[in-house]
Amino acid sequence: MSKFGLFVKFTVREGERDTLVNILLEAAESMQQLNECQIYLVNVSDDEPNSVFVYEVWSDENAHQASLSLEGTQLLIKRSKPIITGMERISTLQPKGGKGISN
């Protein structure tokens, strides 16, 4: 089965970017316990002050889907929903390797 990569853009209410960044960094910390999650990067851009970008790499798509149903993930989603105004799946990827990705 191929690795599963995802690049997502979250748009938030004016002035709430740092709040979402902190919530997503909590999610990244919780992903440390999941071997199936190989990369979970939270990013911001100077050009888009109300956006947060997340790049994820998983052992496979099923592992990613399963992570969304975890109790901790559900709590973080619940906390972030009031400030998120949009979500865009920029791309679904098939990571092939490189620094930070196990084979």
PDB file of N, CA and C in Angstrom:
ATOM      1  N   MET A   1       0.840  -1.183   0.000  1.00  0.00           N
ATOM      2  CA  MET A   1       0.000   0.000   0.000  1.00  0.00           C
ATOM      3  C   MET A   1       0.885   1.246   0.000  1.00  0.00           C
ATOM      4  N   SER A   2       0.487   2.272  -0.720  1.00  0.00           N
ATOM      5  CA  SER A   2       1.255   3.511  -0.824  1.00  0.00           C
ATOM      6  C   SER A   2       1.065   4.390   0.396  1.00  0.00           C
ATOM      7  N   LYS A   3       2.094   5.157   0.693  1.00  0.00           N
ATOM      8  CA  LYS A   3       1.961   6.176   1.732  1.00  0.00           C
ATOM      9  C   LYS A   3       0.923   7.196   1.268  1.00  0.00           C
ATOM     10  N   PHE A   4       0.358   7.914   2.225  1.00  0.00           N
ATOM     11  CA  PHE A   4      -0.694   8.879   1.932  1.00  0.00           C
ATOM     12  C   PHE A   4      -0.255  10.246   2.441  1.00  0.00           C
ATOM     13  N   GLY A   5      -0.221  11.215   1.543  1.00  0.00           N
ATOM     14  CA  GLY A   5       0.128  12.582   1.912  1.00  0.00           C
ATOM     15  C   GLY A   5      -1.042  13.508   1.653  1.00  0.00           C
ATOM     16  N   LEU A   6      -1.108  14.541   2.464  1.00  0.00           N
ATOM     17  CA  LEU A   6      -2.218  15.475   2.367  1.00  0.00           C
ATOM     18  C   LEU A   6      -1.703  16.876   2.645  1.00  0.00           C
ATOM     19  N   PHE A   7      -2.103  17.825   1.821  1.00  0.00           N
ATOM     20  CA  PHE A   7      -1.755  19.233   2.023  1.00  0.00           C
ATOM     21  C   PHE A   7      -3.072  19.998   2.089  1.00  0.00           C
ATOM     22  N   VAL A   8      -3.349  20.605   3.255  1.00  0.00           N
ATOM     23  CA  VAL A   8      -4.638  21.237   3.517  1.00  0.00           C
ATOM     24  C   VAL A   8      -4.438  22.684   3.943  1.00  0.00           C
ATOM     25  N   LYS A   9      -5.362  23.532   3.524  1.00  0.00           N
ATOM     26  CA  LYS A   9      -5.366  24.939   3.922  1.00  0.00           C
ATOM     27  C   LYS A   9      -6.632  25.210   4.732  1.00  0.00           C
ATOM     28  N   PHE A  10      -6.435  25.737   5.946  1.00  0.00           N
ATOM     29  CA  PHE A  10      -7.545  26.176   6.784  1.00  0.00           C
ATOM     30  C   PHE A  10      -7.589  27.689   6.762  1.00  0.00           C
ATOM     31  N   THR A  11      -8.772  28.247   6.578  1.00  0.00           N
ATOM     32  CA  THR A  11      -8.960  29.689   6.676  1.00  0.00           C
ATOM     33  C   THR A  11      -9.716  29.945   7.974  1.00  0.00           C
ATOM     34  N   VAL A  12      -9.267  30.971   8.712  1.00  0.00           N
ATOM     35  CA  VAL A  12      -9.850  31.254  10.015  1.00  0.00           C
ATOM     36  C   VAL A  12     -10.381  32.678  10.078  1.00  0.00           C
ATOM     37  N   ARG A  13     -11.185  32.926  11.109  1.00  0.00           N
ATOM     38  CA  ARG A  13     -11.681  34.283  11.330  1.00  0.00           C
ATOM     39  C   ARG A  13     -10.505  35.219  11.572  1.00  0.00           C
ATOM     40  N   GLU A  14     -10.707  36.465  11.216  1.00  0.00           N
ATOM     41  CA  GLU A  14      -9.688  37.509  11.398  1.00  0.00           C
ATOM     42  C   GLU A  14      -9.103  37.448  12.812  1.00  0.00           C
ATOM     43  N   GLY A  15      -7.776  37.391  12.880  1.00  0.00           N
ATOM     44  CA  GLY A  15      -7.084  37.425  14.155  1.00  0.00           C
ATOM     45  C   GLY A  15      -7.024  36.102  14.903  1.00  0.00           C
ATOM     46  N   GLU A  16      -7.511  35.025  14.313  1.00  0.00           N
ATOM     47  CA  GLU A  16      -7.555  33.732  15.001  1.00  0.00           C
ATOM     48  C   GLU A  16      -6.504  32.735  14.518  1.00  0.00           C
ATOM     49  N   ARG A  17      -5.608  33.190  13.642  1.00  0.00           N
ATOM     50  CA  ARG A  17      -4.622  32.260  13.087  1.00  0.00           C
ATOM     51  C   ARG A  17      -3.783  31.610  14.186  1.00  0.00           C
ATOM     52  N   ASP A  18      -3.268  32.388  15.126  1.00  0.00           N
ATOM     53  CA  ASP A  18      -2.415  31.828  16.169  1.00  0.00           C
ATOM     54  C   ASP A  18      -3.170  30.834  17.041  1.00  0.00           C
ATOM     55  N   THR A  19      -4.452  31.084  17.244  1.00  0.00           N
ATOM     56  CA  THR A  19      -5.263  30.143  18.019  1.00  0.00           C
ATOM     57  C   THR A  19      -5.301  28.791  17.317  1.00  0.00           C
ATOM     58  N   LEU A  20      -5.570  28.807  16.006  1.00  0.00           N
ATOM     59  CA  LEU A  20      -5.615  27.553  15.269  1.00  0.00           C
ATOM     60  C   LEU A  20      -4.237  26.906  15.210  1.00  0.00           C
ATOM     61  N   VAL A  21      -3.198  27.703  15.029  1.00  0.00           N
ATOM     62  CA  VAL A  21      -1.838  27.150  15.023  1.00  0.00           C
ATOM     63  C   VAL A  21      -1.595  26.379  16.316  1.00  0.00           C
ATOM     64  N   ASN A  22      -1.953  26.967  17.448  1.00  0.00           N
ATOM     65  CA  ASN A  22      -1.730  26.297  18.731  1.00  0.00           C
ATOM     66  C   ASN A  22      -2.522  25.001  18.853  1.00  0.00           C
ATOM     67  N   ILE A  23      -3.752  25.008  18.376  1.00  0.00           N
ATOM     68  CA  ILE A  23      -4.566  23.794  18.410  1.00  0.00           C
ATOM     69  C   ILE A  23      -3.940  22.719  17.524  1.00  0.00           C
ATOM     70  N   LEU A  24      -3.496  23.110  16.336  1.00  0.00           N
ATOM     71  CA  LEU A  24      -2.897  22.141  15.413  1.00  0.00           C
ATOM     72  C   LEU A  24      -1.551  21.644  15.914  1.00  0.00           C
ATOM     73  N   LEU A  25      -0.816  22.479  16.640  1.00  0.00           N
ATOM     74  CA  LEU A  25       0.443  22.012  17.237  1.00  0.00           C
ATOM     75  C   LEU A  25       0.166  21.003  18.348  1.00  0.00           C
ATOM     76  N   GLU A  26      -0.947  21.155  19.046  1.00  0.00           N
ATOM     77  CA  GLU A  26      -1.368  20.127  20.004  1.00  0.00           C
ATOM     78  C   GLU A  26      -1.651  18.822  19.262  1.00  0.00           C
ATOM     79  N   ALA A  27      -2.310  18.933  18.112  1.00  0.00           N
ATOM     80  CA  ALA A  27      -2.589  17.741  17.302  1.00  0.00           C
ATOM     81  C   ALA A  27      -1.275  17.092  16.871  1.00  0.00           C
ATOM     82  N   ALA A  28      -0.325  17.913  16.452  1.00  0.00           N
ATOM     83  CA  ALA A  28       0.981  17.392  16.028  1.00  0.00           C
ATOM     84  C   ALA A  28       1.657  16.648  17.176  1.00  0.00           C
ATOM     85  N   GLU A  29       1.550  17.193  18.364  1.00  0.00           N
ATOM     86  CA  GLU A  29       2.140  16.540  19.538  1.00  0.00           C
ATOM     87  C   GLU A  29       1.478  15.185  19.786  1.00  0.00           C
ATOM     88  N   SER A  30       0.164  15.135  19.655  1.00  0.00           N
ATOM     89  CA  SER A  30      -0.533  13.863  19.874  1.00  0.00           C
ATOM     90  C   SER A  30      -0.187  12.843  18.792  1.00  0.00           C
ATOM     91  N   MET A  31       0.181  13.310  17.606  1.00  0.00           N
ATOM     92  CA  MET A  31       0.555  12.409  16.515  1.00  0.00           C
ATOM     93  C   MET A  31       1.887  11.706  16.788  1.00  0.00           C
ATOM     94  N   GLN A  32       2.673  12.232  17.724  1.00  0.00           N
ATOM     95  CA  GLN A  32       3.944  11.590  18.087  1.00  0.00           C
ATOM     96  C   GLN A  32       3.715  10.150  18.539  1.00  0.00           C
ATOM     97  N   GLN A  33       2.554   9.874  19.091  1.00  0.00           N
ATOM     98  CA  GLN A  33       2.239   8.540  19.613  1.00  0.00           C
ATOM     99  C   GLN A  33       1.766   7.577  18.530  1.00  0.00           C
ATOM    100  N   LEU A  34       1.491   8.097  17.341  1.00  0.00           N
ATOM    101  CA  LEU A  34       0.978   7.257  16.253  1.00  0.00           C
ATOM    102  C   LEU A  34       2.089   6.959  15.252  1.00  0.00           C
ATOM    103  N   ASN A  35       2.537   5.715  15.218  1.00  0.00           N
ATOM    104  CA  ASN A  35       3.594   5.341  14.273  1.00  0.00           C
ATOM    105  C   ASN A  35       3.162   5.524  12.830  1.00  0.00           C
ATOM    106  N   GLU A  36       1.859   5.442  12.586  1.00  0.00           N
ATOM    107  CA  GLU A  36       1.354   5.574  11.211  1.00  0.00           C
ATOM    108  C   GLU A  36       1.490   6.998  10.683  1.00  0.00           C
ATOM    109  N   CYS A  37       1.586   7.967  11.577  1.00  0.00           N
ATOM    110  CA  CYS A  37       1.768   9.366  11.168  1.00  0.00           C
ATOM    111  C   CYS A  37       3.257   9.661  11.134  1.00  0.00           C
ATOM    112  N   GLN A  38       3.776   9.879   9.940  1.00  0.00           N
ATOM    113  CA  GLN A  38       5.212  10.099   9.789  1.00  0.00           C
ATOM    114  C   GLN A  38       5.579  11.574   9.795  1.00  0.00           C
ATOM    115  N   ILE A  39       4.686  12.404   9.280  1.00  0.00           N
ATOM    116  CA  ILE A  39       4.934  13.850   9.252  1.00  0.00           C
ATOM    117  C   ILE A  39       3.616  14.563   9.514  1.00  0.00           C
ATOM    118  N   TYR A  40       3.667  15.580  10.361  1.00  0.00           N
ATOM    119  CA  TYR A  40       2.506  16.449  10.596  1.00  0.00           C
ATOM    120  C   TYR A  40       3.071  17.842  10.833  1.00  0.00           C
ATOM    121  N   LEU A  41       3.095  18.642   9.789  1.00  0.00           N
ATOM    122  CA  LEU A  41       3.695  19.970   9.846  1.00  0.00           C
ATOM    123  C   LEU A  41       2.634  21.056   9.771  1.00  0.00           C
ATOM    124  N   VAL A  42       2.721  21.994  10.677  1.00  0.00           N
ATOM    125  CA  VAL A  42       1.810  23.135  10.713  1.00  0.00           C
ATOM    126  C   VAL A  42       2.590  24.336  10.185  1.00  0.00           C
ATOM    127  N   ASN A  43       2.016  25.037   9.201  1.00  0.00           N
ATOM    128  CA  ASN A  43       2.709  26.124   8.515  1.00  0.00           C
ATOM    129  C   ASN A  43       1.820  27.361   8.406  1.00  0.00           C
ATOM    130  N   VAL A  44       2.450  28.530   8.361  1.00  0.00           N
ATOM    131  CA  VAL A  44       1.748  29.774   8.061  1.00  0.00           C
ATOM    132  C   VAL A  44       2.501  30.485   6.939  1.00  0.00           C
ATOM    133  N   SER A  45       1.811  31.423   6.315  1.00  0.00           N
ATOM    134  CA  SER A  45       2.385  32.201   5.227  1.00  0.00           C
ATOM    135  C   SER A  45       2.198  33.687   5.519  1.00  0.00           C
ATOM    136  N   ASP A  46       3.247  34.480   5.302  1.00  0.00           N
ATOM    137  CA  ASP A  46       3.136  35.924   5.470  1.00  0.00           C
ATOM    138  C   ASP A  46       2.108  36.527   4.512  1.00  0.00           C
ATOM    139  N   ASP A  47       1.892  35.854   3.386  1.00  0.00           N
ATOM    140  CA  ASP A  47       0.969  36.364   2.369  1.00  0.00           C
ATOM    141  C   ASP A  47      -0.503  36.108   2.687  1.00  0.00           C
ATOM    142  N   GLU A  48      -0.773  35.205   3.631  1.00  0.00           N
ATOM    143  CA  GLU A  48      -2.153  34.855   3.960  1.00  0.00           C
ATOM    144  C   GLU A  48      -2.325  34.838   5.479  1.00  0.00           C
ATOM    145  N   PRO A  49      -2.569  36.008   6.077  1.00  0.00           N
ATOM    146  CA  PRO A  49      -2.602  36.112   7.539  1.00  0.00           C
ATOM    147  C   PRO A  49      -3.758  35.388   8.226  1.00  0.00           C
ATOM    148  N   ASN A  50      -4.730  34.933   7.458  1.00  0.00           N
ATOM    149  CA  ASN A  50      -5.861  34.215   8.043  1.00  0.00           C
ATOM    150  C   ASN A  50      -5.896  32.752   7.607  1.00  0.00           C
ATOM    151  N   SER A  51      -4.726  32.224   7.254  1.00  0.00           N
ATOM    152  CA  SER A  51      -4.654  30.840   6.790  1.00  0.00           C
ATOM    153  C   SER A  51      -3.590  30.067   7.548  1.00  0.00           C
ATOM    154  N   VAL A  52      -3.850  28.769   7.689  1.00  0.00           N
ATOM    155  CA  VAL A  52      -2.895  27.828   8.267  1.00  0.00           C
ATOM    156  C   VAL A  52      -2.858  26.628   7.327  1.00  0.00           C
ATOM    157  N   PHE A  53      -1.654  26.169   7.030  1.00  0.00           N
ATOM    158  CA  PHE A  53      -1.459  25.055   6.122  1.00  0.00           C
ATOM    159  C   PHE A  53      -0.908  23.865   6.901  1.00  0.00           C
ATOM    160  N   VAL A  54      -1.437  22.680   6.609  1.00  0.00           N
ATOM    161  CA  VAL A  54      -0.962  21.464   7.267  1.00  0.00           C
ATOM    162  C   VAL A  54      -0.542  20.474   6.191  1.00  0.00           C
ATOM    163  N   TYR A  55       0.665  19.926   6.373  1.00  0.00           N
ATOM    164  CA  TYR A  55       1.170  18.875   5.494  1.00  0.00           C
ATOM    165  C   TYR A  55       1.328  17.620   6.337  1.00  0.00           C
ATOM    166  N   GLU A  56       0.705  16.540   5.893  1.00  0.00           N
ATOM    167  CA  GLU A  56       0.723  15.282   6.635  1.00  0.00           C
ATOM    168  C   GLU A  56       1.201  14.153   5.735  1.00  0.00           C
ATOM    169  N   VAL A  57       1.923  13.202   6.334  1.00  0.00           N
ATOM    170  CA  VAL A  57       2.268  11.960   5.649  1.00  0.00           C
ATOM    171  C   VAL A  57       1.925  10.817   6.592  1.00  0.00           C
ATOM    172  N   TRP A  58       1.162   9.865   6.055  1.00  0.00           N
ATOM    173  CA  TRP A  58       0.690   8.710   6.811  1.00  0.00           C
ATOM    174  C   TRP A  58       1.140   7.418   6.138  1.00  0.00           C
ATOM    175  N   SER A  59       1.165   6.339   6.897  1.00  0.00           N
ATOM    176  CA  SER A  59       1.537   5.042   6.326  1.00  0.00           C
ATOM    177  C   SER A  59       0.580   4.648   5.201  1.00  0.00           C
ATOM    178  N   ASP A  60      -0.693   5.033   5.343  1.00  0.00           N
ATOM    179  CA  ASP A  60      -1.680   4.824   4.283  1.00  0.00           C
ATOM    180  C   ASP A  60      -2.922   5.656   4.597  1.00  0.00           C
ATOM    181  N   GLU A  61      -3.835   5.719   3.662  1.00  0.00           N
ATOM    182  CA  GLU A  61      -5.027   6.554   3.829  1.00  0.00           C
ATOM    183  C   GLU A  61      -5.922   6.075   4.966  1.00  0.00           C
ATOM    184  N   ASN A  62      -5.999   4.758   5.166  1.00  0.00           N
ATOM    185  CA  ASN A  62      -6.823   4.224   6.252  1.00  0.00           C
ATOM    186  C   ASN A  62      -6.332   4.703   7.611  1.00  0.00           C
ATOM    187  N   ALA A  63      -5.026   4.794   7.794  1.00  0.00           N
ATOM    188  CA  ALA A  63      -4.467   5.275   9.063  1.00  0.00           C
ATOM    189  C   ALA A  63      -4.871   6.725   9.301  1.00  0.00           C
ATOM    190  N   HIS A  64      -4.855   7.523   8.240  1.00  0.00           N
ATOM    191  CA  HIS A  64      -5.276   8.920   8.369  1.00  0.00           C
ATOM    192  C   HIS A  64      -6.745   8.988   8.771  1.00  0.00           C
ATOM    193  N   GLN A  65      -7.582   8.236   8.087  1.00  0.00           N
ATOM    194  CA  GLN A  65      -9.019   8.237   8.396  1.00  0.00           C
ATOM    195  C   GLN A  65      -9.272   7.781   9.832  1.00  0.00           C
ATOM    196  N   ALA A  66      -8.567   6.756  10.270  1.00  0.00           N
ATOM    197  CA  ALA A  66      -8.735   6.249  11.632  1.00  0.00           C
ATOM    198  C   ALA A  66      -8.354   7.308  12.661  1.00  0.00           C
ATOM    199  N   SER A  67      -7.346   8.120  12.357  1.00  0.00           N
ATOM    200  CA  SER A  67      -6.904   9.144  13.307  1.00  0.00           C
ATOM    201  C   SER A  67      -7.988  10.186  13.555  1.00  0.00           C
ATOM    202  N   LEU A  68      -8.839  10.409  12.580  1.00  0.00           N
ATOM    203  CA  LEU A  68      -9.891  11.414  12.717  1.00  0.00           C
ATOM    204  C   LEU A  68     -10.963  11.008  13.720  1.00  0.00           C
ATOM    205  N   SER A  69     -11.045   9.725  14.022  1.00  0.00           N
ATOM    206  CA  SER A  69     -12.067   9.261  14.962  1.00  0.00           C
ATOM    207  C   SER A  69     -11.537   9.119  16.389  1.00  0.00           C
ATOM    208  N   LEU A  70     -10.256   9.370  16.605  1.00  0.00           N
ATOM    209  CA  LEU A  70      -9.693   9.283  17.955  1.00  0.00           C
ATOM    210  C   LEU A  70     -10.305  10.354  18.859  1.00  0.00           C
ATOM    211  N   GLU A  71     -10.489  10.024  20.113  1.00  0.00           N
ATOM    212  CA  GLU A  71     -11.114  10.953  21.054  1.00  0.00           C
ATOM    213  C   GLU A  71     -10.353  12.284  21.130  1.00  0.00           C
ATOM    214  N   GLY A  72      -9.032  12.210  21.221  1.00  0.00           N
ATOM    215  CA  GLY A  72      -8.233  13.431  21.294  1.00  0.00           C
ATOM    216  C   GLY A  72      -8.369  14.290  20.047  1.00  0.00           C
ATOM    217  N   THR A  73      -8.399  13.645  18.902  1.00  0.00           N
ATOM    218  CA  THR A  73      -8.572  14.373  17.640  1.00  0.00           C
ATOM    219  C   THR A  73      -9.943  15.027  17.599  1.00  0.00           C
ATOM    220  N   GLN A  74     -10.957  14.314  18.027  1.00  0.00           N
ATOM    221  CA  GLN A  74     -12.314  14.862  18.029  1.00  0.00           C
ATOM    222  C   GLN A  74     -12.413  16.097  18.929  1.00  0.00           C
ATOM    223  N   LEU A  75     -11.744  16.068  20.076  1.00  0.00           N
ATOM    224  CA  LEU A  75     -11.754  17.231  20.974  1.00  0.00           C
ATOM    225  C   LEU A  75     -11.089  18.437  20.325  1.00  0.00           C
ATOM    226  N   LEU A  76      -9.969  18.207  19.630  1.00  0.00           N
ATOM    227  CA  LEU A  76      -9.280  19.311  18.959  1.00  0.00           C
ATOM    228  C   LEU A  76     -10.110  19.865  17.807  1.00  0.00           C
ATOM    229  N   ILE A  77     -10.785  18.997  17.084  1.00  0.00           N
ATOM    230  CA  ILE A  77     -11.667  19.441  16.004  1.00  0.00           C
ATOM    231  C   ILE A  77     -12.792  20.305  16.575  1.00  0.00           C
ATOM    232  N   LYS A  78     -13.369  19.858  17.670  1.00  0.00           N
ATOM    233  CA  LYS A  78     -14.460  20.607  18.309  1.00  0.00           C
ATOM    234  C   LYS A  78     -13.993  21.999  18.739  1.00  0.00           C
ATOM    235  N   ARG A  79     -12.781  22.104  19.270  1.00  0.00           N
ATOM    236  CA  ARG A  79     -12.237  23.397  19.700  1.00  0.00           C
ATOM    237  C   ARG A  79     -11.956  24.322  18.515  1.00  0.00           C
ATOM    238  N   SER A  80     -11.564  23.746  17.395  1.00  0.00           N
ATOM    239  CA  SER A  80     -11.174  24.582  16.255  1.00  0.00           C
ATOM    240  C   SER A  80     -12.346  24.999  15.365  1.00  0.00           C
ATOM    241  N   LYS A  81     -13.420  24.244  15.357  1.00  0.00           N
ATOM    242  CA  LYS A  81     -14.545  24.529  14.459  1.00  0.00           C
ATOM    243  C   LYS A  81     -15.075  25.961  14.544  1.00  0.00           C
ATOM    244  N   PRO A  82     -15.210  26.547  15.746  1.00  0.00           N
ATOM    245  CA  PRO A  82     -15.781  27.899  15.809  1.00  0.00           C
ATOM    246  C   PRO A  82     -14.944  28.988  15.127  1.00  0.00           C
ATOM    247  N   ILE A  83     -13.665  28.741  14.921  1.00  0.00           N
ATOM    248  CA  ILE A  83     -12.833  29.790  14.313  1.00  0.00           C
ATOM    249  C   ILE A  83     -12.485  29.510  12.854  1.00  0.00           C
ATOM    250  N   ILE A  84     -12.780  28.316  12.372  1.00  0.00           N
ATOM    251  CA  ILE A  84     -12.479  27.967  10.981  1.00  0.00           C
ATOM    252  C   ILE A  84     -13.619  28.431  10.086  1.00  0.00           C
ATOM    253  N   THR A  85     -13.267  29.188   9.049  1.00  0.00           N
ATOM    254  CA  THR A  85     -14.273  29.660   8.097  1.00  0.00           C
ATOM    255  C   THR A  85     -14.214  28.892   6.777  1.00  0.00           C
ATOM    256  N   GLY A  86     -13.158  28.124   6.578  1.00  0.00           N
ATOM    257  CA  GLY A  86     -13.046  27.347   5.350  1.00  0.00           C
ATOM    258  C   GLY A  86     -11.913  26.353   5.423  1.00  0.00           C
ATOM    259  N   MET A  87     -12.035  25.314   4.606  1.00  0.00           N
ATOM    260  CA  MET A  87     -10.989  24.306   4.514  1.00  0.00           C
ATOM    261  C   MET A  87     -10.882  23.882   3.063  1.00  0.00           C
ATOM    262  N   GLU A  88      -9.651  23.804   2.598  1.00  0.00           N
ATOM    263  CA  GLU A  88      -9.413  23.418   1.200  1.00  0.00           C
ATOM    264  C   GLU A  88      -8.358  22.330   1.161  1.00  0.00           C
ATOM    265  N   ARG A  89      -8.700  21.217   0.554  1.00  0.00           N
ATOM    266  CA  ARG A  89      -7.706  20.164   0.340  1.00  0.00           C
ATOM    267  C   ARG A  89      -6.920  20.568  -0.900  1.00  0.00           C
ATOM    268  N   ILE A  90      -5.738  21.100  -0.672  1.00  0.00           N
ATOM    269  CA  ILE A  90      -4.926  21.579  -1.787  1.00  0.00           C
ATOM    270  C   ILE A  90      -4.493  20.417  -2.662  1.00  0.00           C
ATOM    271  N   SER A  91      -4.049  19.333  -2.020  1.00  0.00           N
ATOM    272  CA  SER A  91      -3.621  18.192  -2.804  1.00  0.00           C
ATOM    273  C   SER A  91      -3.564  16.939  -1.944  1.00  0.00           C
ATOM    274  N   THR A  92      -3.868  15.819  -2.572  1.00  0.00           N
ATOM    275  CA  THR A  92      -3.613  14.514  -1.999  1.00  0.00           C
ATOM    276  C   THR A  92      -2.391  13.990  -2.733  1.00  0.00           C
ATOM    277  N   LEU A  93      -1.425  13.496  -1.970  1.00  0.00           N
ATOM    278  CA  LEU A  93      -0.131  13.140  -2.547  1.00  0.00           C
ATOM    279  C   LEU A  93       0.220  11.691  -2.259  1.00  0.00           C
ATOM    280  N   GLN A  94       1.167  11.163  -3.029  1.00  0.00           N
ATOM    281  CA  GLN A  94       1.743   9.849  -2.793  1.00  0.00           C
ATOM    282  C   GLN A  94       3.231  10.045  -2.526  1.00  0.00           C
ATOM    283  N   PRO A  95       3.607  10.266  -1.265  1.00  0.00           N
ATOM    284  CA  PRO A  95       5.022  10.468  -0.942  1.00  0.00           C
ATOM    285  C   PRO A  95       5.863   9.258  -1.338  1.00  0.00           C
ATOM    286  N   LYS A  96       7.003   9.521  -1.932  1.00  0.00           N
ATOM    287  CA  LYS A  96       7.885   8.450  -2.413  1.00  0.00           C
ATOM    288  C   LYS A  96       9.149   8.311  -1.579  1.00  0.00           C
ATOM    289  N   GLY A  97       9.478   9.311  -0.768  1.00  0.00           N
ATOM    290  CA  GLY A  97      10.665   9.198   0.077  1.00  0.00           C
ATOM    291  C   GLY A  97      11.317  10.558   0.263  1.00  0.00           C
ATOM    292  N   GLY A  98      12.399  10.560   1.010  1.00  0.00           N
ATOM    293  CA  GLY A  98      13.128  11.781   1.292  1.00  0.00           C
ATOM    294  C   GLY A  98      13.366  11.928   2.785  1.00  0.00           C
ATOM    295  N   LYS A  99      14.004  12.986   3.151  1.00  0.00           N
ATOM    296  CA  LYS A  99      14.322  13.234   4.562  1.00  0.00           C
ATOM    297  C   LYS A  99      13.029  13.335   5.376  1.00  0.00           C
ATOM    298  N   GLY A 100      12.970  12.584   6.448  1.00  0.00           N
ATOM    299  CA  GLY A 100      11.798  12.636   7.324  1.00  0.00           C
ATOM    300  C   GLY A 100      10.773  11.557   7.047  1.00  0.00           C
ATOM    301  N   ILE A 101      10.964  10.795   5.989  1.00  0.00           N
ATOM    302  CA  ILE A 101       9.989   9.758   5.646  1.00  0.00           C
ATOM    303  C   ILE A 101      10.662   8.397   5.752  1.00  0.00           C
ATOM    304  N   SER A 102      10.067   7.499   6.545  1.00  0.00           N
ATOM    305  CA  SER A 102      10.629   6.160   6.631  1.00  0.00           C
ATOM    306  C   SER A 102      10.159   5.336   5.426  1.00  0.00           C
ATOM    307  N   ASN A 103      10.951   4.395   5.058  1.00  0.00           N
ATOM    308  CA  ASN A 103      10.614   3.550   3.903  1.00  0.00           C
ATOM    309  C   ASN A 103       9.738   2.397   4.282  1.00  0.00           C
TER     310      ASN A 103
END
